[in-house]
């Protein structure tokens, strides 16, 4: 038995090695075929061959390129009043944030003034948010929850006028537009501080 066990073991190793070599050759062959195929070489050829896919048009890109920064340079044209915003809020927001903006079930939008330093801070538009323009950006892109991006610019300006008034930040006769909204100074503007770490600074030159 000892004399025959060694040759059998060697033969098994040879068979296993043979399968491994075949698998390696098969893998390299398939890789070469994929890399050298017209589909991998040319996206245009792929579209022509399979008649699928297309490059985004300027109109398609413009639908998503709506980010608004703190300075408000990207704000869309439009305007809205507190009275109009009260109607928009009742129709689009009250179900989630409450009739007056404090009831919920989703986070409160009104109130919380002076609570940030307490053990139970209430984060709302009036107590926490630093820039009116970036909140406009959020509402414009992501609200209402069931139909994000469905509100017109006029509706968002009106809604924002109502919410700012409900938080005691603007008067009831204010008209919100691309000029008046960036001029609003939020109560917690100075409550935010830049990140001092060098690695947190974005080098724009490396992203272009």
C-alpha atoms as a PDB file:
ATOM      1  CA  UNK A   1       0.000   0.000   0.000  1.00  0.00           C
ATOM      2  CA  UNK A   2       2.804   2.409   0.774  1.00  0.00           C
ATOM      3  CA  UNK A   3       4.414   1.787  -2.625  1.00  0.00           C
ATOM      4  CA  UNK A   4       1.250   2.712  -4.592  1.00  0.00           C
ATOM      5  CA  UNK A   5       0.093   5.718  -2.526  1.00  0.00           C
ATOM      6  CA  UNK A   6       2.842   8.080  -3.721  1.00  0.00           C
ATOM      7  CA  UNK A   7       2.197   7.632  -7.492  1.00  0.00           C
ATOM      8  CA  UNK A   8      -1.561   8.069  -6.933  1.00  0.00           C
ATOM      9  CA  UNK A   9      -0.987  11.255  -4.979  1.00  0.00           C
ATOM     10  CA  UNK A  10       1.312  12.581  -7.686  1.00  0.00           C
ATOM     11  CA  UNK A  11      -1.236  11.768 -10.399  1.00  0.00           C
ATOM     12  CA  UNK A  12      -3.945  13.656  -8.508  1.00  0.00           C
ATOM     13  CA  UNK A  13      -1.674  16.680  -8.246  1.00  0.00           C
ATOM     14  CA  UNK A  14      -1.002  16.508 -11.992  1.00  0.00           C
ATOM     15  CA  UNK A  15      -4.741  16.365 -12.780  1.00  0.00           C
ATOM     16  CA  UNK A  16      -5.477  19.293 -10.461  1.00  0.00           C
ATOM     17  CA  UNK A  17      -2.629  21.288 -11.933  1.00  0.00           C
ATOM     18  CA  UNK A  18      -3.954  20.536 -15.412  1.00  0.00           C
ATOM     19  CA  UNK A  19      -7.382  21.878 -14.535  1.00  0.00           C
ATOM     20  CA  UNK A  20      -5.801  24.977 -13.006  1.00  0.00           C
ATOM     21  CA  UNK A  21      -3.788  25.618 -16.171  1.00  0.00           C
ATOM     22  CA  UNK A  22      -6.875  25.183 -18.357  1.00  0.00           C
ATOM     23  CA  UNK A  23      -8.820  27.615 -16.173  1.00  0.00           C
ATOM     24  CA  UNK A  24      -6.016  30.163 -16.370  1.00  0.00           C
ATOM     25  CA  UNK A  25      -5.824  29.865 -20.169  1.00  0.00           C
ATOM     26  CA  UNK A  26      -9.619  30.162 -20.460  1.00  0.00           C
ATOM     27  CA  UNK A  27      -9.677  33.268 -18.222  1.00  0.00           C
ATOM     28  CA  UNK A  28      -6.886  34.989 -20.158  1.00  0.00           C
ATOM     29  CA  UNK A  29      -8.552  34.167 -23.473  1.00  0.00           C
ATOM     30  CA  UNK A  30     -11.911  35.575 -22.420  1.00  0.00           C
ATOM     31  CA  UNK A  31     -10.230  38.701 -21.045  1.00  0.00           C
ATOM     32  CA  UNK A  32      -8.417  39.225 -24.347  1.00  0.00           C
ATOM     33  CA  UNK A  33     -11.664  38.818 -26.268  1.00  0.00           C
ATOM     34  CA  UNK A  34     -13.505  41.297 -24.074  1.00  0.00           C
ATOM     35  CA  UNK A  35     -10.765  43.920 -24.202  1.00  0.00           C
ATOM     36  CA  UNK A  36     -10.318  43.618 -27.944  1.00  0.00           C
ATOM     37  CA  UNK A  37     -14.034  43.586 -28.773  1.00  0.00           C
ATOM     38  CA  UNK A  38     -15.629  46.610 -30.485  1.00  0.00           C
ATOM     39  CA  UNK A  39     -18.025  46.962 -27.540  1.00  0.00           C
ATOM     40  CA  UNK A  40     -15.172  47.572 -25.120  1.00  0.00           C
ATOM     41  CA  UNK A  41     -13.216  49.778 -27.494  1.00  0.00           C
ATOM     42  CA  UNK A  42     -15.918  52.195 -28.571  1.00  0.00           C
ATOM     43  CA  UNK A  43     -19.000  53.372 -26.703  1.00  0.00           C
ATOM     44  CA  UNK A  44     -20.221  54.905 -29.942  1.00  0.00           C
ATOM     45  CA  UNK A  45     -19.827  51.548 -31.702  1.00  0.00           C
ATOM     46  CA  UNK A  46     -21.773  49.926 -28.890  1.00  0.00           C
ATOM     47  CA  UNK A  47     -24.679  52.324 -29.332  1.00  0.00           C
ATOM     48  CA  UNK A  48     -24.620  51.810 -33.085  1.00  0.00           C
ATOM     49  CA  UNK A  49     -24.493  48.033 -32.756  1.00  0.00           C
ATOM     50  CA  UNK A  50     -27.170  47.602 -30.099  1.00  0.00           C
ATOM     51  CA  UNK A  51     -29.171  50.817 -30.620  1.00  0.00           C
ATOM     52  CA  UNK A  52     -29.206  51.600 -26.913  1.00  0.00           C
ATOM     53  CA  UNK A  53     -28.001  54.515 -24.796  1.00  0.00           C
ATOM     54  CA  UNK A  54     -27.346  58.142 -25.615  1.00  0.00           C
ATOM     55  CA  UNK A  55     -25.318  61.046 -24.316  1.00  0.00           C
ATOM     56  CA  UNK A  56     -27.159  63.545 -22.074  1.00  0.00           C
ATOM     57  CA  UNK A  57     -28.362  66.702 -23.786  1.00  0.00           C
ATOM     58  CA  UNK A  58     -27.883  70.190 -22.346  1.00  0.00           C
ATOM     59  CA  UNK A  59     -31.588  70.238 -21.477  1.00  0.00           C
ATOM     60  CA  UNK A  60     -31.287  66.995 -19.509  1.00  0.00           C
ATOM     61  CA  UNK A  61     -28.254  68.257 -17.603  1.00  0.00           C
ATOM     62  CA  UNK A  62     -29.939  71.562 -16.805  1.00  0.00           C
ATOM     63  CA  UNK A  63     -32.745  69.702 -15.010  1.00  0.00           C
ATOM     64  CA  UNK A  64     -30.232  68.424 -12.452  1.00  0.00           C
ATOM     65  CA  UNK A  65     -27.813  71.348 -12.400  1.00  0.00           C
ATOM     66  CA  UNK A  66     -29.833  73.378  -9.904  1.00  0.00           C
ATOM     67  CA  UNK A  67     -27.605  73.383  -6.801  1.00  0.00           C
ATOM     68  CA  UNK A  68     -27.748  76.712  -4.939  1.00  0.00           C
ATOM     69  CA  UNK A  69     -24.936  77.906  -2.685  1.00  0.00           C
ATOM     70  CA  UNK A  70     -24.922  80.323   0.268  1.00  0.00           C
ATOM     71  CA  UNK A  71     -24.460  83.415  -1.923  1.00  0.00           C
ATOM     72  CA  UNK A  72     -27.610  82.607  -3.911  1.00  0.00           C
ATOM     73  CA  UNK A  73     -26.121  83.307  -7.354  1.00  0.00           C
ATOM     74  CA  UNK A  74     -27.885  80.229  -8.787  1.00  0.00           C
ATOM     75  CA  UNK A  75     -31.375  81.109  -7.521  1.00  0.00           C
ATOM     76  CA  UNK A  76     -34.063  80.821 -10.222  1.00  0.00           C
ATOM     77  CA  UNK A  77     -36.324  83.661 -11.240  1.00  0.00           C
ATOM     78  CA  UNK A  78     -39.629  83.857  -9.421  1.00  0.00           C
ATOM     79  CA  UNK A  79     -41.335  85.335  -6.392  1.00  0.00           C
ATOM     80  CA  UNK A  80     -43.778  84.525  -3.637  1.00  0.00           C
ATOM     81  CA  UNK A  81     -45.625  86.061  -0.694  1.00  0.00           C
ATOM     82  CA  UNK A  82     -46.442  84.875   2.808  1.00  0.00           C
ATOM     83  CA  UNK A  83     -50.119  84.512   1.911  1.00  0.00           C
ATOM     84  CA  UNK A  84     -49.336  82.341  -1.097  1.00  0.00           C
ATOM     85  CA  UNK A  85     -46.865  80.318   0.942  1.00  0.00           C
ATOM     86  CA  UNK A  86     -49.471  79.598   3.591  1.00  0.00           C
ATOM     87  CA  UNK A  87     -51.591  77.856   0.946  1.00  0.00           C
ATOM     88  CA  UNK A  88     -48.620  75.918  -0.448  1.00  0.00           C
ATOM     89  CA  UNK A  89     -47.680  74.793   3.054  1.00  0.00           C
ATOM     90  CA  UNK A  90     -51.195  73.580   3.823  1.00  0.00           C
ATOM     91  CA  UNK A  91     -51.318  71.569   0.607  1.00  0.00           C
ATOM     92  CA  UNK A  92     -47.776  70.194   0.435  1.00  0.00           C
ATOM     93  CA  UNK A  93     -46.173  70.267   3.901  1.00  0.00           C
ATOM     94  CA  UNK A  94     -48.701  70.181   6.745  1.00  0.00           C
ATOM     95  CA  UNK A  95     -49.311  66.430   6.522  1.00  0.00           C
ATOM     96  CA  UNK A  96     -45.694  65.748   7.522  1.00  0.00           C
ATOM     97  CA  UNK A  97     -44.667  68.804   9.541  1.00  0.00           C
ATOM     98  CA  UNK A  98     -47.942  69.776  11.223  1.00  0.00           C
ATOM     99  CA  UNK A  99     -50.487  72.504  10.686  1.00  0.00           C
ATOM    100  CA  UNK A 100     -48.266  75.216  12.174  1.00  0.00           C
ATOM    101  CA  UNK A 101     -44.898  73.553  11.560  1.00  0.00           C
ATOM    102  CA  UNK A 102     -44.328  72.265  15.086  1.00  0.00           C
ATOM    103  CA  UNK A 103     -46.642  69.256  15.413  1.00  0.00           C
ATOM    104  CA  UNK A 104     -44.873  66.690  13.222  1.00  0.00           C
ATOM    105  CA  UNK A 105     -44.688  63.737  12.834  1.00  0.00           C
ATOM    106  CA  UNK A 106     -41.631  64.806  10.819  1.00  0.00           C
ATOM    107  CA  UNK A 107     -39.110  67.333  12.227  1.00  0.00           C
ATOM    108  CA  UNK A 108     -40.441  70.715  13.301  1.00  0.00           C
ATOM    109  CA  UNK A 109     -39.850  73.662  10.983  1.00  0.00           C
ATOM    110  CA  UNK A 110     -40.885  76.427  13.361  1.00  0.00           C
ATOM    111  CA  UNK A 111     -39.745  77.357  16.869  1.00  0.00           C
ATOM    112  CA  UNK A 112     -36.763  76.235  18.900  1.00  0.00           C
ATOM    113  CA  UNK A 113     -35.324  79.722  19.310  1.00  0.00           C
ATOM    114  CA  UNK A 114     -32.627  79.827  21.983  1.00  0.00           C
ATOM    115  CA  UNK A 115     -32.696  76.052  22.486  1.00  0.00           C
ATOM    116  CA  UNK A 116     -29.435  75.066  20.780  1.00  0.00           C
ATOM    117  CA  UNK A 117     -27.353  75.422  23.946  1.00  0.00           C
ATOM    118  CA  UNK A 118     -29.861  73.464  26.041  1.00  0.00           C
ATOM    119  CA  UNK A 119     -29.904  69.737  26.790  1.00  0.00           C
ATOM    120  CA  UNK A 120     -32.758  69.288  24.304  1.00  0.00           C
ATOM    121  CA  UNK A 121     -32.049  71.532  21.314  1.00  0.00           C
ATOM    122  CA  UNK A 122     -34.838  71.942  18.768  1.00  0.00           C
ATOM    123  CA  UNK A 123     -33.387  72.237  15.262  1.00  0.00           C
ATOM    124  CA  UNK A 124     -35.703  74.223  12.997  1.00  0.00           C
ATOM    125  CA  UNK A 125     -35.438  76.722  10.165  1.00  0.00           C
ATOM    126  CA  UNK A 126     -35.553  79.574  12.662  1.00  0.00           C
ATOM    127  CA  UNK A 127     -33.260  78.163  15.327  1.00  0.00           C
ATOM    128  CA  UNK A 128     -30.615  76.284  13.361  1.00  0.00           C
ATOM    129  CA  UNK A 129     -30.381  76.874   9.605  1.00  0.00           C
ATOM    130  CA  UNK A 130     -27.563  79.303   8.689  1.00  0.00           C
ATOM    131  CA  UNK A 131     -28.412  80.409   5.119  1.00  0.00           C
ATOM    132  CA  UNK A 132     -31.840  80.898   3.526  1.00  0.00           C
ATOM    133  CA  UNK A 133     -30.447  80.096   0.065  1.00  0.00           C
ATOM    134  CA  UNK A 134     -29.248  76.597   0.919  1.00  0.00           C
ATOM    135  CA  UNK A 135     -32.601  75.742   2.474  1.00  0.00           C
ATOM    136  CA  UNK A 136     -34.300  76.984  -0.702  1.00  0.00           C
ATOM    137  CA  UNK A 137     -31.997  74.597  -2.568  1.00  0.00           C
ATOM    138  CA  UNK A 138     -33.065  71.676  -0.372  1.00  0.00           C
ATOM    139  CA  UNK A 139     -36.776  72.370  -0.669  1.00  0.00           C
ATOM    140  CA  UNK A 140     -36.540  72.972  -4.418  1.00  0.00           C
ATOM    141  CA  UNK A 141     -34.771  69.665  -5.059  1.00  0.00           C
ATOM    142  CA  UNK A 142     -36.082  67.303  -2.397  1.00  0.00           C
ATOM    143  CA  UNK A 143     -39.552  68.387  -1.252  1.00  0.00           C
ATOM    144  CA  UNK A 144     -42.306  67.403  -0.870  1.00  0.00           C
ATOM    145  CA  UNK A 145     -41.305  63.904   0.196  1.00  0.00           C
ATOM    146  CA  UNK A 146     -43.884  62.157  -1.996  1.00  0.00           C
ATOM    147  CA  UNK A 147     -43.002  64.196  -5.111  1.00  0.00           C
ATOM    148  CA  UNK A 148     -39.520  65.738  -4.822  1.00  0.00           C
ATOM    149  CA  UNK A 149     -38.730  68.471  -7.318  1.00  0.00           C
ATOM    150  CA  UNK A 150     -42.372  69.035  -8.243  1.00  0.00           C
ATOM    151  CA  UNK A 151     -42.674  72.538  -6.752  1.00  0.00           C
ATOM    152  CA  UNK A 152     -42.211  75.532  -9.024  1.00  0.00           C
ATOM    153  CA  UNK A 153     -39.763  78.301  -8.156  1.00  0.00           C
ATOM    154  CA  UNK A 154     -42.688  80.622  -7.340  1.00  0.00           C
ATOM    155  CA  UNK A 155     -44.149  78.025  -4.965  1.00  0.00           C
ATOM    156  CA  UNK A 156     -40.827  77.572  -3.156  1.00  0.00           C
ATOM    157  CA  UNK A 157     -40.320  81.343  -2.803  1.00  0.00           C
ATOM    158  CA  UNK A 158     -43.825  81.648  -1.366  1.00  0.00           C
ATOM    159  CA  UNK A 159     -43.337  78.677   0.926  1.00  0.00           C
ATOM    160  CA  UNK A 160     -40.071  80.096   2.165  1.00  0.00           C
ATOM    161  CA  UNK A 161     -41.648  83.493   2.806  1.00  0.00           C
ATOM    162  CA  UNK A 162     -44.301  81.786   4.940  1.00  0.00           C
ATOM    163  CA  UNK A 163     -41.789  79.691   6.899  1.00  0.00           C
ATOM    164  CA  UNK A 164     -39.521  82.664   7.579  1.00  0.00           C
ATOM    165  CA  UNK A 165     -42.498  84.691   8.740  1.00  0.00           C
ATOM    166  CA  UNK A 166     -43.716  81.817  10.947  1.00  0.00           C
ATOM    167  CA  UNK A 167     -40.287  81.859  12.595  1.00  0.00           C
ATOM    168  CA  UNK A 168     -40.454  85.621  13.160  1.00  0.00           C
ATOM    169  CA  UNK A 169     -37.612  86.390  10.758  1.00  0.00           C
ATOM    170  CA  UNK A 170     -39.461  88.458   8.117  1.00  0.00           C
ATOM    171  CA  UNK A 171     -42.602  90.584   8.090  1.00  0.00           C
ATOM    172  CA  UNK A 172     -45.910  89.411   6.662  1.00  0.00           C
ATOM    173  CA  UNK A 173     -45.769  91.806   3.699  1.00  0.00           C
ATOM    174  CA  UNK A 174     -42.409  90.540   2.424  1.00  0.00           C
ATOM    175  CA  UNK A 175     -42.026  89.373  -1.180  1.00  0.00           C
ATOM    176  CA  UNK A 176     -39.385  86.693  -1.611  1.00  0.00           C
ATOM    177  CA  UNK A 177     -37.405  86.520  -4.840  1.00  0.00           C
ATOM    178  CA  UNK A 178     -33.824  85.973  -6.061  1.00  0.00           C
ATOM    179  CA  UNK A 179     -32.805  89.375  -4.666  1.00  0.00           C
ATOM    180  CA  UNK A 180     -34.608  89.575  -1.328  1.00  0.00           C
ATOM    181  CA  UNK A 181     -34.052  85.992  -0.192  1.00  0.00           C
ATOM    182  CA  UNK A 182     -30.209  86.086  -0.070  1.00  0.00           C
ATOM    183  CA  UNK A 183     -30.421  89.318   1.929  1.00  0.00           C
ATOM    184  CA  UNK A 184     -32.204  87.559   4.812  1.00  0.00           C
ATOM    185  CA  UNK A 185     -29.867  86.975   7.746  1.00  0.00           C
ATOM    186  CA  UNK A 186     -30.736  83.807   9.627  1.00  0.00           C
ATOM    187  CA  UNK A 187     -30.562  83.919  13.448  1.00  0.00           C
ATOM    188  CA  UNK A 188     -27.947  81.147  13.630  1.00  0.00           C
ATOM    189  CA  UNK A 189     -25.694  82.437  10.829  1.00  0.00           C
ATOM    190  CA  UNK A 190     -22.748  82.805  13.214  1.00  0.00           C
ATOM    191  CA  UNK A 191     -23.329  79.414  14.824  1.00  0.00           C
ATOM    192  CA  UNK A 192     -21.397  77.610  12.101  1.00  0.00           C
ATOM    193  CA  UNK A 193     -17.625  77.635  11.763  1.00  0.00           C
ATOM    194  CA  UNK A 194     -15.371  76.447   8.924  1.00  0.00           C
ATOM    195  CA  UNK A 195     -13.408  73.227   9.365  1.00  0.00           C
ATOM    196  CA  UNK A 196      -9.831  74.281  10.263  1.00  0.00           C
ATOM    197  CA  UNK A 197      -8.212  71.049   9.070  1.00  0.00           C
ATOM    198  CA  UNK A 198      -6.010  71.556   5.970  1.00  0.00           C
ATOM    199  CA  UNK A 199      -7.330  68.357   4.374  1.00  0.00           C
ATOM    200  CA  UNK A 200     -10.887  69.718   4.586  1.00  0.00           C
ATOM    201  CA  UNK A 201     -10.108  72.521   2.112  1.00  0.00           C
ATOM    202  CA  UNK A 202     -11.202  71.651  -1.435  1.00  0.00           C
ATOM    203  CA  UNK A 203      -8.596  72.375  -4.075  1.00  0.00           C
ATOM    204  CA  UNK A 204     -10.795  73.356  -6.995  1.00  0.00           C
ATOM    205  CA  UNK A 205      -7.856  73.248  -9.427  1.00  0.00           C
ATOM    206  CA  UNK A 206      -7.605  69.469  -9.006  1.00  0.00           C
ATOM    207  CA  UNK A 207     -11.255  68.891  -9.877  1.00  0.00           C
ATOM    208  CA  UNK A 208     -11.305  70.677 -13.200  1.00  0.00           C
END
